[in-house]
Amino acid sequence: MGHRVYLNMVHTFLFRVSIIMNVKSISVIGGIRRASRPDIHCRDVSGVGVEITVSLNVRSGLPYPPGVRERTSMDSTTNGIYRHEFTVLPASVDGNGHVNNVEYVRWMQDVAVMHSDSVGCTRATQEAGATWVARSHRIEYLRPAFAGDRLAVLTWVCNFRKVRSARRYKFLRTTDDAVLAEGETDWVFVNAKTGRPRSIPESVSSVFELIPEDCAP
């Protein structure tokens, strides 16, 4: 899913990421919209690992952030699968010399909006007086990405369940089609004024071609 207009004020959303030893998969919970660079605070958790608290100052209606609409981008939709290509800029790289983990979550958010815009879901959602908010993000990091890499993000909608919908993502390096990361977002359809979940109307769900498990790329 994805929706361009949600709030007219600056809000702050917090989510926590726990990294334990060499675990590659994290789960991020929260309603994250377009965001500025995050404030990240770390503390050691004895016997567990490192707890990272990320604070995102979020404002609706901002341009696509760096790392998404950067350098030359290419977008296309084939059989319900939306593909967005872009070149990673140095600003996306952290102190470890590779793309920061949070960047992937941000890219997931933005390609969801791009896909939604391209098929008319954004307009249909606005006409219904509703919006989409993220209930949870799951991402598994498989290989690192670096500045200058050409990446392709594939995204597709898996299902609709009354007030929720699952969307999946796959990050590829275009030079060799290596899979760098895979992720999923659980989106919730809510009333734009009250923020309460509401049933997804056919005018919204019908704009997407659902991709079942056995047809996922």
N, C-alpha and C. Protein backbone atom coordinates (compact mmCIF):
# COMPACT_ATOMS: atom_id res chain seq x y z
N MET A 1 0.85 -1.18 0.00
CA MET A 1 0.00 0.00 0.00
C MET A 1 0.88 1.23 0.00
N GLY A 2 0.33 2.33 0.34
CA GLY A 2 1.06 3.57 0.42
C GLY A 2 0.10 4.70 0.16
N HIS A 3 0.29 5.81 0.86
CA HIS A 3 -0.63 6.92 0.67
C HIS A 3 0.12 8.20 0.93
N ARG A 4 -0.05 9.19 0.08
CA ARG A 4 0.79 10.37 0.12
C ARG A 4 0.38 11.37 1.19
N VAL A 5 -0.88 11.47 1.51
CA VAL A 5 -1.33 12.46 2.50
C VAL A 5 -1.87 11.75 3.72
N TYR A 6 -1.26 11.97 4.88
CA TYR A 6 -1.76 11.35 6.11
C TYR A 6 -1.92 12.39 7.20
N LEU A 7 -0.87 13.15 7.51
CA LEU A 7 -0.95 14.16 8.56
C LEU A 7 -0.42 15.48 8.01
N ASN A 8 -0.95 16.57 8.49
CA ASN A 8 -0.51 17.88 8.05
C ASN A 8 0.47 18.54 9.01
N MET A 9 0.83 17.84 10.08
CA MET A 9 1.75 18.37 11.07
C MET A 9 2.94 17.45 11.17
N VAL A 10 3.99 17.95 11.83
CA VAL A 10 5.16 17.12 12.10
C VAL A 10 4.85 16.26 13.31
N HIS A 11 5.07 14.97 13.17
CA HIS A 11 4.89 14.05 14.29
C HIS A 11 6.15 13.22 14.45
N THR A 12 6.33 12.65 15.61
CA THR A 12 7.46 11.77 15.85
C THR A 12 6.95 10.39 16.20
N PHE A 13 7.48 9.38 15.48
CA PHE A 13 7.14 8.00 15.77
C PHE A 13 8.40 7.30 16.25
N LEU A 14 8.28 6.43 17.23
CA LEU A 14 9.43 5.70 17.74
C LEU A 14 9.26 4.22 17.45
N PHE A 15 10.35 3.58 17.06
CA PHE A 15 10.30 2.14 17.00
C PHE A 15 11.63 1.61 17.51
N ARG A 16 11.60 0.37 17.97
CA ARG A 16 12.80 -0.22 18.55
C ARG A 16 13.26 -1.40 17.69
N VAL A 17 14.56 -1.51 17.58
CA VAL A 17 15.17 -2.62 16.85
C VAL A 17 16.14 -3.31 17.80
N SER A 18 15.99 -4.59 17.98
CA SER A 18 16.92 -5.33 18.84
C SER A 18 17.82 -6.18 17.96
N ILE A 19 19.12 -6.00 18.10
CA ILE A 19 20.08 -6.78 17.34
C ILE A 19 20.78 -7.72 18.32
N ILE A 20 20.69 -9.01 18.08
CA ILE A 20 21.28 -9.99 18.98
C ILE A 20 22.33 -10.78 18.20
N MET A 21 23.59 -10.63 18.56
CA MET A 21 24.70 -11.31 17.94
C MET A 21 24.63 -11.14 16.42
N ASN A 22 24.52 -12.25 15.67
CA ASN A 22 24.57 -12.18 14.22
C ASN A 22 23.21 -12.37 13.56
N VAL A 23 22.14 -12.09 14.29
CA VAL A 23 20.80 -12.21 13.71
C VAL A 23 20.64 -11.22 12.58
N LYS A 24 20.15 -11.69 11.40
CA LYS A 24 20.03 -10.83 10.23
C LYS A 24 18.64 -10.27 10.06
N SER A 25 17.68 -10.78 10.80
CA SER A 25 16.29 -10.37 10.60
C SER A 25 15.80 -9.53 11.75
N ILE A 26 15.16 -8.39 11.44
CA ILE A 26 14.61 -7.54 12.49
C ILE A 26 13.15 -7.26 12.18
N SER A 27 12.42 -6.87 13.18
CA SER A 27 11.03 -6.48 12.99
C SER A 27 10.84 -5.08 13.53
N VAL A 28 10.26 -4.21 12.74
CA VAL A 28 10.05 -2.83 13.13
C VAL A 28 8.56 -2.58 13.23
N ILE A 29 8.10 -2.09 14.37
CA ILE A 29 6.68 -1.85 14.59
C ILE A 29 6.45 -0.35 14.67
N GLY A 30 5.46 0.15 13.95
CA GLY A 30 5.13 1.57 14.05
C GLY A 30 4.55 2.10 12.77
N GLY A 31 3.92 3.25 12.83
CA GLY A 31 3.36 3.89 11.64
C GLY A 31 4.34 4.90 11.10
N ILE A 32 5.21 4.48 10.21
CA ILE A 32 6.28 5.33 9.73
C ILE A 32 5.88 5.92 8.39
N ARG A 33 6.01 7.20 8.23
CA ARG A 33 5.77 7.86 6.96
C ARG A 33 7.09 8.41 6.44
N ARG A 34 7.05 9.27 5.44
CA ARG A 34 8.27 9.86 4.92
C ARG A 34 9.01 10.52 6.08
N ALA A 35 10.34 10.34 6.11
CA ALA A 35 11.05 10.79 7.29
C ALA A 35 12.35 11.48 6.95
N SER A 36 12.79 12.34 7.84
CA SER A 36 14.11 12.93 7.76
C SER A 36 15.10 11.91 8.30
N ARG A 37 16.38 12.26 8.29
CA ARG A 37 17.37 11.34 8.85
C ARG A 37 17.02 11.03 10.30
N PRO A 38 17.09 9.77 10.71
CA PRO A 38 16.67 9.41 12.07
C PRO A 38 17.71 9.76 13.12
N ASP A 39 17.23 10.01 14.34
CA ASP A 39 18.11 10.12 15.50
C ASP A 39 18.21 8.74 16.11
N ILE A 40 19.41 8.22 16.25
CA ILE A 40 19.61 6.86 16.69
C ILE A 40 20.37 6.87 18.02
N HIS A 41 19.82 6.18 19.01
CA HIS A 41 20.44 6.07 20.33
C HIS A 41 20.62 4.59 20.65
N CYS A 42 21.82 4.24 21.10
CA CYS A 42 22.12 2.83 21.38
C CYS A 42 22.46 2.66 22.87
N ARG A 43 22.15 1.47 23.38
CA ARG A 43 22.59 1.13 24.73
C ARG A 43 22.78 -0.38 24.80
N ASP A 44 23.78 -0.78 25.57
CA ASP A 44 24.05 -2.21 25.74
C ASP A 44 22.99 -2.83 26.64
N VAL A 45 22.53 -4.00 26.26
CA VAL A 45 21.61 -4.76 27.09
C VAL A 45 22.36 -6.00 27.53
N SER A 46 22.70 -6.08 28.79
CA SER A 46 23.55 -7.14 29.30
C SER A 46 23.02 -8.53 28.95
N GLY A 47 23.89 -9.31 28.32
CA GLY A 47 23.55 -10.69 28.00
C GLY A 47 22.65 -10.84 26.79
N VAL A 48 22.28 -9.73 26.17
CA VAL A 48 21.36 -9.80 25.03
C VAL A 48 22.00 -9.24 23.77
N GLY A 49 22.45 -8.02 23.83
CA GLY A 49 23.02 -7.40 22.64
C GLY A 49 22.93 -5.90 22.75
N VAL A 50 22.51 -5.26 21.69
CA VAL A 50 22.41 -3.81 21.65
C VAL A 50 20.98 -3.41 21.32
N GLU A 51 20.42 -2.51 22.11
CA GLU A 51 19.09 -1.99 21.83
C GLU A 51 19.25 -0.64 21.16
N ILE A 52 18.61 -0.48 20.00
CA ILE A 52 18.71 0.75 19.24
C ILE A 52 17.33 1.40 19.20
N THR A 53 17.24 2.64 19.66
CA THR A 53 15.99 3.39 19.57
C THR A 53 16.14 4.42 18.46
N VAL A 54 15.25 4.37 17.50
CA VAL A 54 15.30 5.26 16.35
C VAL A 54 14.13 6.22 16.39
N SER A 55 14.40 7.51 16.39
CA SER A 55 13.36 8.52 16.39
C SER A 55 13.30 9.18 15.02
N LEU A 56 12.12 9.12 14.40
CA LEU A 56 11.95 9.68 13.07
C LEU A 56 11.01 10.88 13.13
N ASN A 57 11.47 12.03 12.68
CA ASN A 57 10.61 13.19 12.56
C ASN A 57 9.94 13.13 11.21
N VAL A 58 8.62 12.98 11.20
CA VAL A 58 7.91 12.63 9.99
C VAL A 58 6.98 13.76 9.56
N ARG A 59 7.06 14.13 8.30
CA ARG A 59 6.20 15.17 7.77
C ARG A 59 5.57 14.68 6.47
N SER A 60 4.27 14.86 6.33
CA SER A 60 3.60 14.43 5.11
C SER A 60 3.91 15.40 3.98
N GLY A 61 3.77 14.91 2.75
CA GLY A 61 3.87 15.76 1.59
C GLY A 61 5.29 16.16 1.22
N LEU A 62 6.32 15.56 1.86
CA LEU A 62 7.68 15.90 1.51
C LEU A 62 8.08 15.23 0.21
N PRO A 63 9.08 15.76 -0.48
CA PRO A 63 9.57 15.08 -1.68
C PRO A 63 10.15 13.72 -1.31
N TYR A 64 10.34 12.85 -2.31
CA TYR A 64 10.98 11.58 -2.03
C TYR A 64 12.36 11.85 -1.46
N PRO A 65 12.72 11.17 -0.36
CA PRO A 65 14.00 11.44 0.29
C PRO A 65 15.17 10.93 -0.53
N PRO A 66 16.41 11.38 -0.22
CA PRO A 66 17.59 10.90 -0.93
C PRO A 66 17.69 9.39 -0.85
N GLY A 67 18.13 8.76 -1.91
CA GLY A 67 18.26 7.31 -1.91
C GLY A 67 17.14 6.65 -2.67
N VAL A 68 16.02 7.33 -2.89
CA VAL A 68 14.92 6.76 -3.66
C VAL A 68 14.85 7.44 -5.01
N ARG A 69 14.45 8.71 -5.07
CA ARG A 69 14.46 9.45 -6.33
C ARG A 69 15.83 10.11 -6.49
N GLU A 70 16.87 9.31 -6.61
CA GLU A 70 18.22 9.84 -6.72
C GLU A 70 18.89 9.27 -7.95
N ARG A 71 19.81 10.04 -8.49
CA ARG A 71 20.46 9.66 -9.74
C ARG A 71 19.39 9.31 -10.77
N THR A 72 19.67 8.34 -11.62
CA THR A 72 18.70 7.95 -12.65
C THR A 72 17.86 6.80 -12.13
N SER A 73 16.54 6.95 -12.13
CA SER A 73 15.67 5.88 -11.66
C SER A 73 14.81 5.37 -12.80
N MET A 74 14.41 4.12 -12.70
CA MET A 74 13.55 3.48 -13.70
C MET A 74 12.43 2.77 -12.97
N ASP A 75 11.22 2.90 -13.47
CA ASP A 75 10.06 2.30 -12.83
C ASP A 75 9.23 1.56 -13.87
N SER A 76 8.70 0.40 -13.47
CA SER A 76 7.84 -0.36 -14.37
C SER A 76 6.98 -1.32 -13.55
N THR A 77 5.85 -1.73 -14.13
CA THR A 77 4.98 -2.72 -13.49
C THR A 77 4.70 -3.83 -14.48
N THR A 78 4.96 -5.07 -14.09
CA THR A 78 4.73 -6.23 -14.94
C THR A 78 3.98 -7.30 -14.16
N ASN A 79 2.80 -7.66 -14.63
CA ASN A 79 2.00 -8.72 -13.98
C ASN A 79 1.83 -8.49 -12.49
N GLY A 80 1.56 -7.24 -12.12
CA GLY A 80 1.29 -6.93 -10.73
C GLY A 80 2.51 -6.67 -9.88
N ILE A 81 3.71 -6.83 -10.43
CA ILE A 81 4.95 -6.61 -9.68
C ILE A 81 5.57 -5.28 -10.12
N TYR A 82 5.72 -4.38 -9.17
CA TYR A 82 6.28 -3.06 -9.44
C TYR A 82 7.79 -3.11 -9.24
N ARG A 83 8.53 -2.53 -10.18
CA ARG A 83 10.01 -2.55 -10.13
C ARG A 83 10.53 -1.11 -10.17
N HIS A 84 11.37 -0.79 -9.21
CA HIS A 84 11.98 0.54 -9.16
C HIS A 84 13.50 0.37 -9.07
N GLU A 85 14.23 1.00 -9.99
CA GLU A 85 15.68 0.93 -10.01
C GLU A 85 16.29 2.28 -9.66
N PHE A 86 17.39 2.25 -8.94
CA PHE A 86 18.09 3.49 -8.59
C PHE A 86 19.53 3.16 -8.21
N THR A 87 20.35 4.19 -8.15
CA THR A 87 21.75 4.05 -7.78
C THR A 87 21.95 4.57 -6.36
N VAL A 88 22.60 3.78 -5.53
CA VAL A 88 22.82 4.15 -4.14
C VAL A 88 23.82 5.29 -4.03
N LEU A 89 23.46 6.33 -3.28
CA LEU A 89 24.36 7.45 -3.04
C LEU A 89 25.15 7.26 -1.75
N PRO A 90 26.28 7.93 -1.62
CA PRO A 90 27.10 7.81 -0.40
C PRO A 90 26.35 8.16 0.87
N ALA A 91 25.34 9.03 0.79
CA ALA A 91 24.58 9.43 1.99
C ALA A 91 23.85 8.26 2.64
N SER A 92 23.63 7.17 1.88
CA SER A 92 22.93 6.01 2.42
C SER A 92 23.86 5.05 3.17
N VAL A 93 25.16 5.31 3.12
CA VAL A 93 26.16 4.41 3.71
C VAL A 93 26.49 4.87 5.14
N ASP A 94 26.61 3.89 6.04
CA ASP A 94 26.91 4.21 7.44
C ASP A 94 28.38 3.98 7.76
N GLY A 95 28.71 4.02 9.05
CA GLY A 95 30.09 3.87 9.49
C GLY A 95 30.70 2.51 9.22
N ASN A 96 29.85 1.53 8.91
CA ASN A 96 30.36 0.19 8.59
C ASN A 96 30.74 0.05 7.12
N GLY A 97 30.51 1.12 6.35
CA GLY A 97 30.93 1.10 4.95
C GLY A 97 29.92 0.53 3.99
N HIS A 98 28.73 0.15 4.50
CA HIS A 98 27.68 -0.34 3.60
C HIS A 98 26.38 0.39 3.90
N VAL A 99 25.35 0.14 3.08
CA VAL A 99 24.07 0.82 3.26
C VAL A 99 23.51 0.52 4.64
N ASN A 100 23.07 1.57 5.33
CA ASN A 100 22.51 1.42 6.67
C ASN A 100 21.21 0.63 6.64
N ASN A 101 20.96 -0.16 7.69
CA ASN A 101 19.76 -0.99 7.76
C ASN A 101 18.47 -0.19 7.62
N VAL A 102 18.43 0.99 8.23
CA VAL A 102 17.22 1.80 8.22
C VAL A 102 16.86 2.26 6.81
N GLU A 103 17.86 2.40 5.93
CA GLU A 103 17.60 2.84 4.57
C GLU A 103 16.66 1.88 3.84
N TYR A 104 16.81 0.59 4.08
CA TYR A 104 15.96 -0.39 3.40
C TYR A 104 14.50 -0.22 3.80
N VAL A 105 14.26 0.05 5.08
CA VAL A 105 12.89 0.26 5.54
C VAL A 105 12.31 1.51 4.88
N ARG A 106 13.12 2.55 4.77
CA ARG A 106 12.68 3.78 4.12
C ARG A 106 12.36 3.54 2.65
N TRP A 107 13.21 2.76 1.97
CA TRP A 107 12.96 2.43 0.57
C TRP A 107 11.68 1.60 0.42
N MET A 108 11.44 0.70 1.35
CA MET A 108 10.20 -0.08 1.32
C MET A 108 8.99 0.84 1.38
N GLN A 109 9.04 1.81 2.30
CA GLN A 109 7.94 2.76 2.42
C GLN A 109 7.67 3.49 1.11
N ASP A 110 8.76 3.95 0.49
CA ASP A 110 8.58 4.81 -0.68
C ASP A 110 8.21 4.05 -1.96
N VAL A 111 8.71 2.84 -2.15
CA VAL A 111 8.29 2.11 -3.34
C VAL A 111 6.84 1.68 -3.20
N ALA A 112 6.37 1.48 -1.96
CA ALA A 112 4.95 1.19 -1.76
C ALA A 112 4.10 2.36 -2.23
N VAL A 113 4.53 3.58 -1.91
CA VAL A 113 3.81 4.77 -2.34
C VAL A 113 3.86 4.90 -3.86
N MET A 114 5.03 4.66 -4.45
CA MET A 114 5.17 4.74 -5.91
C MET A 114 4.23 3.77 -6.61
N HIS A 115 4.19 2.53 -6.12
CA HIS A 115 3.32 1.53 -6.71
C HIS A 115 1.86 1.94 -6.56
N SER A 116 1.51 2.40 -5.38
CA SER A 116 0.14 2.84 -5.12
C SER A 116 -0.26 3.97 -6.04
N ASP A 117 0.63 4.94 -6.21
CA ASP A 117 0.36 6.06 -7.12
C ASP A 117 0.13 5.57 -8.54
N SER A 118 0.97 4.63 -8.97
CA SER A 118 0.97 4.22 -10.38
C SER A 118 -0.30 3.48 -10.80
N VAL A 119 -0.96 2.80 -9.86
CA VAL A 119 -2.16 2.03 -10.23
C VAL A 119 -3.46 2.72 -9.83
N GLY A 120 -3.36 3.89 -9.19
CA GLY A 120 -4.56 4.63 -8.81
C GLY A 120 -5.06 4.36 -7.41
N CYS A 121 -4.31 3.61 -6.62
CA CYS A 121 -4.75 3.32 -5.25
C CYS A 121 -4.75 4.57 -4.38
N THR A 122 -3.76 5.42 -4.57
CA THR A 122 -3.68 6.64 -3.76
C THR A 122 -4.93 7.49 -3.96
N ARG A 123 -5.32 7.69 -5.21
CA ARG A 123 -6.50 8.50 -5.49
C ARG A 123 -7.77 7.83 -4.97
N ALA A 124 -7.88 6.52 -5.17
CA ALA A 124 -9.07 5.79 -4.70
C ALA A 124 -9.17 5.84 -3.18
N THR A 125 -8.03 5.78 -2.52
CA THR A 125 -8.01 5.84 -1.06
C THR A 125 -8.44 7.21 -0.56
N GLN A 126 -7.94 8.26 -1.19
CA GLN A 126 -8.34 9.62 -0.83
C GLN A 126 -9.83 9.84 -1.04
N GLU A 127 -10.35 9.34 -2.17
CA GLU A 127 -11.77 9.50 -2.46
C GLU A 127 -12.64 8.76 -1.45
N ALA A 128 -12.09 7.71 -0.85
CA ALA A 128 -12.82 6.95 0.18
C ALA A 128 -12.69 7.59 1.56
N GLY A 129 -11.94 8.69 1.66
CA GLY A 129 -11.75 9.36 2.95
C GLY A 129 -10.88 8.55 3.89
N ALA A 130 -9.92 7.83 3.33
CA ALA A 130 -9.11 6.93 4.15
C ALA A 130 -7.63 7.13 3.88
N THR A 131 -6.82 6.36 4.55
CA THR A 131 -5.38 6.34 4.34
C THR A 131 -4.84 4.98 4.79
N TRP A 132 -3.58 4.71 4.47
CA TRP A 132 -2.93 3.47 4.90
C TRP A 132 -1.86 3.80 5.94
N VAL A 133 -1.75 3.00 6.97
CA VAL A 133 -0.67 3.13 7.94
C VAL A 133 0.01 1.78 8.10
N ALA A 134 1.31 1.82 8.38
CA ALA A 134 2.07 0.59 8.55
C ALA A 134 1.89 0.04 9.96
N ARG A 135 1.47 -1.21 10.04
CA ARG A 135 1.33 -1.88 11.35
C ARG A 135 2.65 -2.52 11.75
N SER A 136 3.34 -3.12 10.80
CA SER A 136 4.64 -3.72 11.10
C SER A 136 5.46 -3.86 9.83
N HIS A 137 6.78 -3.85 10.01
CA HIS A 137 7.73 -4.12 8.93
C HIS A 137 8.58 -5.32 9.34
N ARG A 138 8.84 -6.21 8.42
CA ARG A 138 9.80 -7.29 8.65
C ARG A 138 10.79 -7.27 7.50
N ILE A 139 12.08 -7.36 7.82
CA ILE A 139 13.08 -7.37 6.77
C ILE A 139 14.22 -8.31 7.15
N GLU A 140 14.71 -9.05 6.18
CA GLU A 140 15.85 -9.93 6.38
C GLU A 140 16.97 -9.47 5.44
N TYR A 141 18.13 -9.18 6.02
CA TYR A 141 19.27 -8.71 5.26
C TYR A 141 20.14 -9.91 4.87
N LEU A 142 20.40 -10.04 3.60
CA LEU A 142 21.14 -11.20 3.10
C LEU A 142 22.55 -10.86 2.62
N ARG A 143 22.69 -9.70 1.97
CA ARG A 143 24.00 -9.25 1.48
C ARG A 143 24.06 -7.73 1.60
N PRO A 144 25.24 -7.16 1.77
CA PRO A 144 25.34 -5.70 1.90
C PRO A 144 25.26 -5.00 0.53
N ALA A 145 24.86 -3.75 0.56
CA ALA A 145 24.89 -2.90 -0.62
C ALA A 145 25.83 -1.73 -0.34
N PHE A 146 26.41 -1.16 -1.41
CA PHE A 146 27.41 -0.12 -1.25
C PHE A 146 27.11 1.08 -2.15
N ALA A 147 27.73 2.20 -1.84
CA ALA A 147 27.55 3.40 -2.66
C ALA A 147 27.95 3.09 -4.10
N GLY A 148 27.11 3.54 -5.03
CA GLY A 148 27.38 3.30 -6.44
C GLY A 148 26.71 2.06 -6.99
N ASP A 149 26.23 1.17 -6.10
CA ASP A 149 25.52 -0.02 -6.57
C ASP A 149 24.21 0.37 -7.24
N ARG A 150 23.89 -0.34 -8.30
CA ARG A 150 22.59 -0.16 -8.95
C ARG A 150 21.64 -1.21 -8.39
N LEU A 151 20.57 -0.75 -7.74
CA LEU A 151 19.63 -1.66 -7.09
C LEU A 151 18.28 -1.63 -7.78
N ALA A 152 17.57 -2.74 -7.69
CA ALA A 152 16.18 -2.83 -8.13
C ALA A 152 15.37 -3.30 -6.94
N VAL A 153 14.28 -2.60 -6.66
CA VAL A 153 13.36 -3.01 -5.60
C VAL A 153 12.09 -3.50 -6.27
N LEU A 154 11.74 -4.76 -6.00
CA LEU A 154 10.49 -5.32 -6.49
C LEU A 154 9.49 -5.31 -5.35
N THR A 155 8.24 -4.94 -5.63
CA THR A 155 7.21 -4.96 -4.59
C THR A 155 5.89 -5.41 -5.18
N TRP A 156 5.10 -6.10 -4.38
CA TRP A 156 3.81 -6.60 -4.84
C TRP A 156 2.88 -6.80 -3.65
N VAL A 157 1.58 -6.82 -3.93
CA VAL A 157 0.57 -7.01 -2.89
C VAL A 157 0.17 -8.48 -2.86
N CYS A 158 0.17 -9.07 -1.66
CA CYS A 158 -0.13 -10.50 -1.51
C CYS A 158 -1.60 -10.77 -1.28
N ASN A 159 -2.24 -9.94 -0.44
CA ASN A 159 -3.62 -10.24 -0.07
C ASN A 159 -4.32 -9.02 0.51
N PHE A 160 -5.63 -9.13 0.66
CA PHE A 160 -6.45 -8.16 1.38
C PHE A 160 -7.26 -8.94 2.41
N ARG A 161 -7.30 -8.44 3.66
CA ARG A 161 -8.00 -9.11 4.75
C ARG A 161 -8.82 -8.09 5.52
N LYS A 162 -10.00 -7.81 5.08
CA LYS A 162 -10.92 -6.87 5.70
C LYS A 162 -10.32 -5.48 5.86
N VAL A 163 -9.47 -5.25 6.89
CA VAL A 163 -8.89 -3.92 7.09
C VAL A 163 -7.38 -3.91 6.86
N ARG A 164 -6.79 -5.05 6.51
CA ARG A 164 -5.35 -5.15 6.38
C ARG A 164 -4.94 -5.73 5.03
N SER A 165 -3.68 -5.47 4.68
CA SER A 165 -3.14 -6.00 3.44
C SER A 165 -1.64 -6.21 3.61
N ALA A 166 -1.14 -7.31 3.06
CA ALA A 166 0.29 -7.63 3.14
C ALA A 166 0.97 -7.27 1.82
N ARG A 167 2.09 -6.60 1.92
CA ARG A 167 2.90 -6.24 0.76
C ARG A 167 4.32 -6.77 0.98
N ARG A 168 4.91 -7.29 -0.08
CA ARG A 168 6.26 -7.84 0.04
C ARG A 168 7.24 -7.10 -0.88
N TYR A 169 8.52 -7.29 -0.56
CA TYR A 169 9.58 -6.57 -1.25
C TYR A 169 10.78 -7.49 -1.46
N LYS A 170 11.51 -7.23 -2.54
CA LYS A 170 12.77 -7.93 -2.78
C LYS A 170 13.76 -6.92 -3.35
N PHE A 171 14.96 -6.87 -2.75
CA PHE A 171 16.02 -5.97 -3.19
C PHE A 171 17.05 -6.77 -3.99
N LEU A 172 17.33 -6.32 -5.20
CA LEU A 172 18.28 -7.00 -6.07
C LEU A 172 19.41 -6.05 -6.47
N ARG A 173 20.61 -6.59 -6.65
CA ARG A 173 21.70 -5.85 -7.28
C ARG A 173 21.62 -6.15 -8.77
N THR A 174 21.45 -5.13 -9.59
CA THR A 174 21.13 -5.37 -11.00
C THR A 174 22.29 -5.97 -11.80
N THR A 175 23.53 -5.78 -11.34
CA THR A 175 24.66 -6.29 -12.11
C THR A 175 24.72 -7.81 -12.14
N ASP A 176 24.22 -8.47 -11.08
CA ASP A 176 24.27 -9.93 -11.04
C ASP A 176 22.98 -10.56 -10.50
N ASP A 177 21.94 -9.73 -10.28
CA ASP A 177 20.65 -10.19 -9.76
C ASP A 177 20.76 -10.86 -8.39
N ALA A 178 21.81 -10.55 -7.64
CA ALA A 178 21.94 -11.08 -6.29
C ALA A 178 20.86 -10.47 -5.39
N VAL A 179 20.23 -11.31 -4.56
CA VAL A 179 19.21 -10.82 -3.64
C VAL A 179 19.90 -10.28 -2.40
N LEU A 180 19.68 -8.98 -2.12
CA LEU A 180 20.32 -8.34 -0.98
C LEU A 180 19.46 -8.36 0.27
N ALA A 181 18.15 -8.28 0.08
CA ALA A 181 17.24 -8.27 1.24
C ALA A 181 15.83 -8.61 0.77
N GLU A 182 15.03 -9.11 1.70
CA GLU A 182 13.62 -9.39 1.44
C GLU A 182 12.82 -8.85 2.63
N GLY A 183 11.63 -8.34 2.34
CA GLY A 183 10.86 -7.77 3.43
C GLY A 183 9.36 -7.86 3.22
N GLU A 184 8.63 -7.46 4.23
CA GLU A 184 7.16 -7.48 4.18
C GLU A 184 6.62 -6.38 5.09
N THR A 185 5.55 -5.74 4.66
CA THR A 185 4.85 -4.75 5.48
C THR A 185 3.40 -5.16 5.62
N ASP A 186 2.89 -5.06 6.85
CA ASP A 186 1.47 -5.29 7.10
C ASP A 186 0.82 -3.90 7.18
N TRP A 187 0.00 -3.57 6.18
CA TRP A 187 -0.64 -2.26 6.10
C TRP A 187 -2.07 -2.34 6.62
N VAL A 188 -2.52 -1.26 7.26
CA VAL A 188 -3.88 -1.18 7.80
C VAL A 188 -4.60 0.00 7.14
N PHE A 189 -5.82 -0.24 6.68
CA PHE A 189 -6.65 0.77 6.04
C PHE A 189 -7.46 1.48 7.13
N VAL A 190 -7.28 2.81 7.26
CA VAL A 190 -7.94 3.53 8.35
C VAL A 190 -8.67 4.77 7.84
N ASN A 191 -9.64 5.20 8.63
CA ASN A 191 -10.34 6.45 8.36
C ASN A 191 -9.34 7.60 8.52
N ALA A 192 -9.26 8.48 7.52
CA ALA A 192 -8.26 9.55 7.53
C ALA A 192 -8.49 10.56 8.65
N LYS A 193 -9.73 10.70 9.11
CA LYS A 193 -10.02 11.67 10.16
C LYS A 193 -9.88 11.09 11.56
N THR A 194 -10.38 9.87 11.74
CA THR A 194 -10.38 9.28 13.09
C THR A 194 -9.19 8.37 13.35
N GLY A 195 -8.58 7.86 12.28
CA GLY A 195 -7.48 6.92 12.45
C GLY A 195 -7.93 5.52 12.80
N ARG A 196 -9.23 5.28 12.81
CA ARG A 196 -9.75 3.96 13.16
C ARG A 196 -9.77 3.05 11.91
N PRO A 197 -9.42 1.77 12.07
CA PRO A 197 -9.46 0.85 10.94
C PRO A 197 -10.86 0.75 10.33
N ARG A 198 -10.93 0.58 9.03
CA ARG A 198 -12.20 0.42 8.35
C ARG A 198 -12.03 -0.57 7.22
N SER A 199 -13.12 -1.15 6.77
CA SER A 199 -13.07 -2.16 5.71
C SER A 199 -12.53 -1.56 4.42
N ILE A 200 -11.76 -2.35 3.72
CA ILE A 200 -11.18 -1.91 2.45
C ILE A 200 -12.23 -2.04 1.36
N PRO A 201 -12.63 -0.94 0.70
CA PRO A 201 -13.66 -1.03 -0.34
C PRO A 201 -13.10 -1.64 -1.63
N GLU A 202 -13.97 -2.16 -2.44
CA GLU A 202 -13.55 -2.77 -3.70
C GLU A 202 -12.87 -1.76 -4.63
N SER A 203 -13.28 -0.50 -4.53
CA SER A 203 -12.68 0.53 -5.38
C SER A 203 -11.18 0.66 -5.12
N VAL A 204 -10.73 0.26 -3.93
CA VAL A 204 -9.31 0.29 -3.58
C VAL A 204 -8.64 -1.04 -3.88
N SER A 205 -9.23 -2.13 -3.41
CA SER A 205 -8.60 -3.44 -3.57
C SER A 205 -8.52 -3.89 -5.03
N SER A 206 -9.46 -3.44 -5.84
CA SER A 206 -9.52 -3.92 -7.23
C SER A 206 -8.42 -3.35 -8.12
N VAL A 207 -7.71 -2.31 -7.67
CA VAL A 207 -6.69 -1.70 -8.52
C VAL A 207 -5.41 -2.53 -8.56
N PHE A 208 -5.25 -3.45 -7.61
CA PHE A 208 -4.04 -4.27 -7.55
C PHE A 208 -4.29 -5.68 -8.09
N GLU A 209 -3.28 -6.20 -8.76
CA GLU A 209 -3.28 -7.62 -9.14
C GLU A 209 -2.54 -8.36 -8.05
N LEU A 210 -3.24 -9.22 -7.31
CA LEU A 210 -2.61 -9.94 -6.20
C LEU A 210 -1.66 -11.01 -6.71
N ILE A 211 -0.54 -11.14 -6.00
CA ILE A 211 0.48 -12.13 -6.38
C ILE A 211 0.53 -13.22 -5.32
N PRO A 212 0.06 -14.43 -5.62
CA PRO A 212 0.09 -15.53 -4.64
C PRO A 212 1.50 -16.00 -4.37
N GLU A 213 1.65 -16.78 -3.31
CA GLU A 213 2.98 -17.25 -2.88
C GLU A 213 3.74 -17.95 -3.99
N ASP A 214 3.07 -18.81 -4.74
CA ASP A 214 3.77 -19.61 -5.74
C ASP A 214 4.12 -18.82 -7.00
N CYS A 215 3.69 -17.56 -7.06
CA CYS A 215 4.01 -16.73 -8.22
C CYS A 215 4.93 -15.57 -7.87
N ALA A 216 5.34 -15.50 -6.60
CA ALA A 216 6.22 -14.40 -6.18
C ALA A 216 7.58 -14.51 -6.85
N PRO A 217 8.20 -13.39 -7.20
CA PRO A 217 9.51 -13.43 -7.87
C PRO A 217 10.62 -13.91 -6.95
